[in-house]
Amino acid sequence: MCFIKRSIPALACILIITAAGACSLPIPGAVLTTQVDPSGRPLNSSTVFSVDTPLILCPVGTAGLAAPSRMSAHWLYNANGAWKTLKEESFGVAGAHTIIFSINAPAAGWQQGDYAIRLLLDGQEVSQTGFSVRLNENAALPVINNFTATPLTVTSGQPLTLSWNVSGASRVFIEPDIGGVDAGGSRTVTPQADTAYTITALSSGGPALKSVSVQVLPPVTESADLTVVDVFREVSMVYYTVLNNGTASSKPSSANLYVGMNIMASGYIPPLVPGEWRTLVFGTFSWSYANTTPATVCVDTENENGAANAENKCLTRALAGARVF
């Protein structure tokens, strides 16, 4: 068996010569198409495609190929003079049928430029066909009528709604994380960080883009916040008013009454829902100071609700002296 290589425009083929001297072409020049019939035969063919072409196909018949063999395709893009592999496919050959190699357009549409598909049989190149992607200069660009996010600011874990409407586009997609969408619609998303969403509308004339940025605030941690809002004396009893100024119900907690640095009495604070306040009394203590004396009440004294350093945990009031009989 020997190999003879000849060049044809945009095509390099290897002919296999059998021992009898007859030549057969195992892989014909690649035919590129956007549609095939049920048997896999191309319904059209071209070597020039528009930037909004969704899918390019390369059907290859395997009649005459020995089984088992392996047919592979390498899809290539000429990036500034260097060929970059976009996709590799490989199929086993077992009898006469049609293998259809395919490549989907990137999310943002095809880059303008030169491309090629290399076909290999058992690792040996047997065909290379070039094609190109071009803008249709006579086609109008699509129009993005609106693209909005509601609301523009959310808390982490809170959803928002993207809404859009596009005219004159063959393909529409939104990044990040969404992909292809209809020309008009809405989508609920839950970003975890500040995100710029971009909609791209594509026609054969090229792309139109629009972006909207959303802000994601840190999550709000629900917690109780006990605050002393009043301290007063009635007859010989000392009262205090405590408010749960937090966003969660408080746990049962304690309160202390201080005169100077001394703890004069302790009390019990029942659970309070957010916004609830109660006036409580140090029932085991009797005010006996004859002169006006500062008294301090502190709540959550065992840090039951995790507010060890809160400035509103204590309140000092000057209480009038008690009458001495």
Protein backbone atom coordinates (compact mmCIF):
# COMPACT_ATOMS: atom_id res chain seq x y z
CA MET A 1 0.00 0.00 0.00
CA CYS A 2 1.37 3.45 -0.83
CA PHE A 3 0.22 7.00 -0.29
CA ILE A 4 0.07 9.76 -2.89
CA LYS A 5 -0.69 13.29 -1.74
CA ARG A 6 -2.06 15.91 -4.09
CA SER A 7 -3.33 19.40 -3.44
CA ILE A 8 -6.61 20.86 -4.54
CA PRO A 9 -7.77 24.36 -3.56
CA ALA A 10 -8.71 24.31 0.14
CA LEU A 11 -8.35 20.53 0.15
CA ALA A 12 -5.50 18.07 0.76
CA CYS A 13 -6.41 14.45 0.00
CA ILE A 14 -4.47 11.22 0.41
CA LEU A 15 -5.22 8.53 -2.14
CA ILE A 16 -4.78 4.92 -1.12
CA ILE A 17 -3.43 2.63 -3.88
CA THR A 18 -4.25 -1.01 -3.39
CA ALA A 19 -1.89 -3.87 -4.23
CA ALA A 20 -3.75 -4.34 -7.51
CA GLY A 21 -2.88 -0.77 -8.43
CA ALA A 22 -6.44 0.58 -8.34
CA CYS A 23 -6.92 3.93 -6.59
CA SER A 24 -9.87 4.85 -4.40
CA LEU A 25 -10.53 8.01 -2.44
CA PRO A 26 -11.39 6.91 1.09
CA ILE A 27 -12.54 10.34 2.26
CA PRO A 28 -13.94 12.83 -0.23
CA GLY A 29 -13.36 16.56 0.18
CA ALA A 30 -15.34 17.73 3.16
CA VAL A 31 -18.71 19.24 2.33
CA LEU A 32 -19.80 21.85 4.84
CA THR A 33 -23.48 22.47 5.32
CA THR A 34 -26.02 23.83 7.78
CA GLN A 35 -28.66 21.11 7.17
CA VAL A 36 -28.79 17.43 6.29
CA ASP A 37 -31.64 15.16 5.23
CA PRO A 38 -32.65 12.09 7.29
CA SER A 39 -29.97 10.00 5.58
CA GLY A 40 -27.27 12.53 6.42
CA ARG A 41 -26.82 14.00 2.96
CA PRO A 42 -26.18 17.80 2.89
CA LEU A 43 -29.11 19.98 1.84
CA ASN A 44 -26.83 22.91 1.07
CA SER A 45 -23.11 23.54 0.94
CA SER A 46 -20.88 26.54 1.44
CA THR A 47 -17.44 27.61 2.50
CA VAL A 48 -18.59 31.07 3.67
CA PHE A 49 -20.88 31.45 6.68
CA SER A 50 -22.35 34.42 8.53
CA VAL A 51 -21.47 35.30 12.12
CA ASP A 52 -24.92 34.22 13.31
CA THR A 53 -24.83 30.73 11.77
CA PRO A 54 -25.90 28.52 14.70
CA LEU A 55 -24.41 25.21 13.53
CA ILE A 56 -21.99 23.97 10.87
CA LEU A 57 -22.11 20.32 9.81
CA CYS A 58 -19.69 18.09 7.94
CA PRO A 59 -21.28 14.77 6.84
CA VAL A 60 -18.81 12.05 5.81
CA GLY A 61 -19.85 8.78 4.16
CA THR A 62 -17.93 5.68 5.29
CA ALA A 63 -18.74 3.40 2.36
CA GLY A 64 -15.56 1.62 1.26
CA LEU A 65 -13.69 2.18 4.52
CA ALA A 66 -12.38 -0.87 6.28
CA ALA A 67 -13.80 -1.61 9.70
CA PRO A 68 -12.71 -1.22 12.35
CA SER A 69 -11.33 2.24 11.61
CA ARG A 70 -11.59 5.53 13.43
CA MET A 71 -12.58 8.78 11.81
CA SER A 72 -11.71 12.05 13.54
CA ALA A 73 -12.34 15.73 12.85
CA HIS A 74 -10.44 18.76 14.12
CA TRP A 75 -12.21 22.11 13.83
CA LEU A 76 -9.65 24.95 13.62
CA TYR A 77 -9.63 28.77 13.75
CA ASN A 78 -6.87 30.97 12.39
CA ALA A 79 -6.13 33.33 15.27
CA ASN A 80 -3.69 35.95 13.97
CA GLY A 81 -1.81 33.43 11.87
CA ALA A 82 -1.79 30.60 14.44
CA TRP A 83 -4.27 27.74 14.06
CA LYS A 84 -6.23 27.14 17.24
CA THR A 85 -8.21 23.93 17.82
CA LEU A 86 -11.85 24.68 18.64
CA LYS A 87 -13.18 21.13 18.85
CA GLU A 88 -12.12 17.53 18.26
CA GLU A 89 -14.50 14.68 17.45
CA SER A 90 -13.92 11.00 16.83
CA PHE A 91 -16.19 8.14 15.74
CA GLY A 92 -15.64 4.46 15.03
CA VAL A 93 -16.23 3.22 11.47
CA ALA A 94 -18.34 0.06 11.26
CA GLY A 95 -19.96 -0.47 7.90
CA ALA A 96 -21.37 1.95 5.38
CA HIS A 97 -23.14 4.90 6.93
CA THR A 98 -22.71 8.64 7.35
CA ILE A 99 -20.78 10.25 10.16
CA ILE A 100 -21.88 13.82 10.83
CA PHE A 101 -19.28 16.05 12.45
CA SER A 102 -20.64 19.31 13.83
CA ILE A 103 -19.67 22.46 15.65
CA ASN A 104 -21.98 24.90 17.40
CA ALA A 105 -21.41 28.61 17.24
CA PRO A 106 -19.80 30.13 20.34
CA ALA A 107 -22.18 31.93 22.68
CA ALA A 108 -21.17 35.31 21.29
CA GLY A 109 -21.36 34.14 17.67
CA TRP A 110 -18.50 33.35 15.34
CA GLN A 111 -15.43 35.51 15.13
CA GLN A 112 -14.88 36.82 11.64
CA GLY A 113 -11.96 35.07 9.97
CA ASP A 114 -10.65 31.85 8.51
CA TYR A 115 -11.46 28.37 9.72
CA ALA A 116 -10.75 24.78 8.65
CA ILE A 117 -11.81 21.22 9.33
CA ARG A 118 -9.18 18.46 9.26
CA LEU A 119 -10.38 14.89 8.76
CA LEU A 120 -8.20 12.02 9.97
CA LEU A 121 -8.53 8.29 9.38
CA ASP A 122 -6.81 6.22 12.09
CA GLY A 123 -4.71 9.24 13.00
CA GLN A 124 -3.61 10.07 9.42
CA GLU A 125 -4.87 13.30 7.85
CA VAL A 126 -6.92 12.62 4.74
CA SER A 127 -8.64 15.93 4.15
CA GLN A 128 -8.45 19.57 5.14
CA THR A 129 -11.08 22.02 4.00
CA GLY A 130 -11.04 25.72 4.70
CA PHE A 131 -14.05 27.95 5.27
CA SER A 132 -14.59 31.49 6.47
CA VAL A 133 -17.00 33.53 8.57
CA ARG A 134 -17.96 36.99 7.36
CA LEU A 135 -20.33 39.81 8.19
CA ASN A 136 -23.18 40.55 5.82
CA GLU A 137 -22.52 44.22 5.15
CA ASN A 138 -25.98 44.66 3.65
CA ALA A 139 -27.77 43.37 6.75
CA ALA A 140 -28.94 45.70 9.52
CA LEU A 141 -27.77 45.28 13.08
CA PRO A 142 -30.38 44.03 15.55
CA VAL A 143 -31.99 46.48 17.99
CA ILE A 144 -32.12 45.97 21.75
CA ASN A 145 -35.33 47.79 22.67
CA ASN A 146 -34.85 47.31 26.41
CA PHE A 147 -32.82 45.32 28.90
CA THR A 148 -33.49 45.90 32.60
CA ALA A 149 -32.88 44.38 36.03
CA THR A 150 -35.46 44.79 38.81
CA PRO A 151 -34.38 45.66 41.41
CA LEU A 152 -30.85 46.90 40.77
CA THR A 153 -29.79 46.24 44.37
CA VAL A 154 -30.52 43.02 46.27
CA THR A 155 -29.32 41.24 49.38
CA SER A 156 -27.33 38.06 48.88
CA GLY A 157 -29.80 35.21 48.33
CA GLN A 158 -32.55 37.53 47.11
CA PRO A 159 -33.73 37.08 43.49
CA LEU A 160 -34.10 39.76 40.83
CA THR A 161 -35.75 39.79 37.41
CA LEU A 162 -34.05 40.44 34.09
CA SER A 163 -36.40 41.61 31.31
CA TRP A 164 -35.59 42.25 27.67
CA ASN A 165 -36.98 42.83 24.21
CA VAL A 166 -34.97 42.60 20.96
CA SER A 167 -35.84 43.18 17.29
CA GLY A 168 -34.16 41.88 14.15
CA ALA A 169 -31.95 39.23 15.76
CA SER A 170 -31.46 35.64 14.70
CA ARG A 171 -29.84 34.75 18.01
CA VAL A 172 -30.09 36.33 21.48
CA PHE A 173 -28.16 35.30 24.56
CA ILE A 174 -27.44 36.69 28.02
CA GLU A 175 -24.27 36.26 30.03
CA PRO A 176 -23.24 35.16 32.55
CA ASP A 177 -24.90 31.83 33.30
CA ILE A 178 -28.06 32.20 31.19
CA GLY A 179 -27.20 31.53 27.55
CA GLY A 180 -29.61 31.53 24.61
CA VAL A 181 -33.02 33.16 25.10
CA ASP A 182 -36.01 34.25 23.02
CA ALA A 183 -36.18 37.73 21.52
CA GLY A 184 -38.37 38.90 24.39
CA GLY A 185 -38.96 37.64 27.90
CA SER A 186 -37.83 37.68 31.51
CA ARG A 187 -35.75 35.50 33.75
CA THR A 188 -35.41 35.33 37.55
CA VAL A 189 -31.80 35.10 38.72
CA THR A 190 -30.13 35.07 42.13
CA PRO A 191 -26.63 36.54 41.85
CA GLN A 192 -24.22 35.90 44.72
CA ALA A 193 -22.01 38.94 44.04
CA ASP A 194 -22.08 42.21 42.10
CA THR A 195 -22.75 41.18 38.50
CA ALA A 196 -22.86 42.87 35.09
CA TYR A 197 -25.36 41.07 32.87
CA THR A 198 -24.88 41.53 29.12
CA ILE A 199 -27.40 40.78 26.41
CA THR A 200 -26.08 40.15 22.90
CA ALA A 201 -28.38 40.22 19.89
CA LEU A 202 -26.87 38.75 16.75
CA SER A 203 -27.77 38.99 13.08
CA SER A 204 -25.79 38.30 9.94
CA GLY A 205 -24.81 41.96 10.05
CA GLY A 206 -23.14 41.60 13.43
CA PRO A 207 -23.86 41.92 17.15
CA ALA A 208 -25.57 44.53 19.32
CA LEU A 209 -24.86 44.51 23.05
CA LYS A 210 -26.22 46.12 26.19
CA SER A 211 -25.26 45.62 29.84
CA VAL A 212 -26.91 46.23 33.19
CA SER A 213 -25.09 46.05 36.53
CA VAL A 214 -26.65 44.85 39.78
CA GLN A 215 -25.33 45.26 43.30
CA VAL A 216 -25.47 42.43 45.82
CA LEU A 217 -25.29 43.43 49.47
CA PRO A 218 -24.03 41.11 52.23
CA PRO A 219 -26.69 38.90 53.79
CA VAL A 220 -28.53 40.29 56.76
CA THR A 221 -27.97 38.17 59.85
CA GLU A 222 -31.05 38.14 62.05
CA SER A 223 -30.28 38.72 65.71
CA ALA A 224 -31.86 40.06 68.85
CA ASP A 225 -30.72 43.41 70.27
CA LEU A 226 -31.88 44.18 73.80
CA THR A 227 -31.83 47.88 74.69
CA VAL A 228 -32.54 49.61 78.03
CA VAL A 229 -34.75 52.59 77.22
CA ASP A 230 -35.74 53.73 80.75
CA VAL A 231 -34.88 53.33 84.43
CA PHE A 232 -37.15 54.84 87.12
CA ARG A 233 -38.24 54.45 90.74
CA GLU A 234 -41.74 54.17 92.15
CA VAL A 235 -41.89 54.26 95.94
CA SER A 236 -39.11 51.82 96.91
CA MET A 237 -39.08 49.74 93.72
CA VAL A 238 -36.72 50.18 90.74
CA TYR A 239 -38.21 49.57 87.29
CA TYR A 240 -36.61 49.35 83.88
CA THR A 241 -37.96 49.18 80.34
CA VAL A 242 -36.22 46.90 77.85
CA LEU A 243 -36.81 46.84 74.07
CA ASN A 244 -35.85 44.18 71.54
CA ASN A 245 -34.51 46.42 68.79
CA GLY A 246 -33.23 43.49 66.72
CA THR A 247 -34.56 41.37 63.86
CA ALA A 248 -35.00 38.08 65.74
CA SER A 249 -36.72 37.02 68.96
CA SER A 250 -34.51 37.22 72.02
CA LYS A 251 -33.60 34.35 74.26
CA PRO A 252 -34.41 34.43 78.00
CA SER A 253 -31.79 36.66 79.57
CA SER A 254 -30.76 38.48 82.72
CA ALA A 255 -30.54 42.05 84.00
CA ASN A 256 -28.48 43.63 86.77
CA LEU A 257 -29.00 46.76 88.85
CA TYR A 258 -25.79 48.59 89.80
CA VAL A 259 -25.14 51.39 92.24
CA GLY A 260 -21.57 52.43 91.64
CA MET A 261 -19.66 49.22 90.93
CA ASN A 262 -21.87 47.08 93.14
CA ILE A 263 -24.57 44.72 91.89
CA MET A 264 -27.60 45.48 94.02
CA ALA A 265 -30.13 43.14 92.34
CA SER A 266 -30.66 40.83 89.39
CA GLY A 267 -33.71 40.20 87.25
CA TYR A 268 -35.12 37.92 84.58
CA ILE A 269 -36.07 39.08 81.06
CA PRO A 270 -38.44 36.77 79.18
CA PRO A 271 -38.10 36.27 75.40
CA LEU A 272 -39.12 39.32 73.36
CA VAL A 273 -40.13 39.32 69.70
CA PRO A 274 -38.61 42.00 67.43
CA GLY A 275 -40.01 45.41 68.37
CA GLU A 276 -41.50 44.22 71.68
CA TRP A 277 -40.82 46.13 74.90
CA ARG A 278 -41.56 45.37 78.55
CA THR A 279 -41.28 47.24 81.82
CA LEU A 280 -39.88 44.97 84.52
CA VAL A 281 -39.02 45.42 88.18
CA PHE A 282 -36.24 44.29 90.47
CA GLY A 283 -38.74 42.76 92.86
CA THR A 284 -36.31 41.69 95.59
CA PHE A 285 -34.70 45.13 95.94
CA SER A 286 -35.93 48.11 98.02
CA TRP A 287 -34.52 51.59 97.23
CA SER A 288 -33.37 53.12 100.51
CA TYR A 289 -30.97 55.88 99.43
CA ALA A 290 -31.92 59.17 101.04
CA ASN A 291 -30.20 61.34 98.44
CA THR A 292 -30.41 61.38 94.65
CA THR A 293 -28.18 58.52 93.51
CA PRO A 294 -27.19 57.27 90.05
CA ALA A 295 -28.39 53.74 89.28
CA THR A 296 -27.41 51.67 86.24
CA VAL A 297 -29.36 48.83 84.68
CA CYS A 298 -27.66 46.45 82.25
CA VAL A 299 -29.44 43.74 80.28
CA ASP A 300 -28.24 40.59 78.54
CA THR A 301 -25.59 40.46 81.25
CA GLU A 302 -24.56 36.88 80.46
CA ASN A 303 -24.40 37.70 76.73
CA GLU A 304 -27.34 35.39 76.13
CA ASN A 305 -28.15 37.14 72.85
CA GLY A 306 -24.62 37.70 71.61
CA ALA A 307 -24.40 41.44 72.17
CA ALA A 308 -21.46 41.55 74.54
CA ASN A 309 -20.14 44.92 73.34
CA ALA A 310 -23.42 46.66 72.53
CA GLU A 311 -23.43 50.25 73.77
CA ASN A 312 -27.17 50.20 74.40
CA LYS A 313 -27.09 47.34 76.92
CA CYS A 314 -26.81 49.68 79.90
CA LEU A 315 -28.57 52.87 80.93
CA THR A 316 -27.83 55.11 83.94
CA ARG A 317 -30.40 57.35 85.60
CA ALA A 318 -30.17 59.54 88.73
CA LEU A 319 -32.93 58.27 91.03
CA ALA A 320 -34.39 60.58 93.65
CA GLY A 321 -33.81 59.67 97.30
CA ALA A 322 -36.44 57.81 99.22
CA ARG A 323 -38.36 59.47 102.01
CA VAL A 324 -37.07 58.48 105.42
CA PHE A 325 -39.80 57.91 107.99
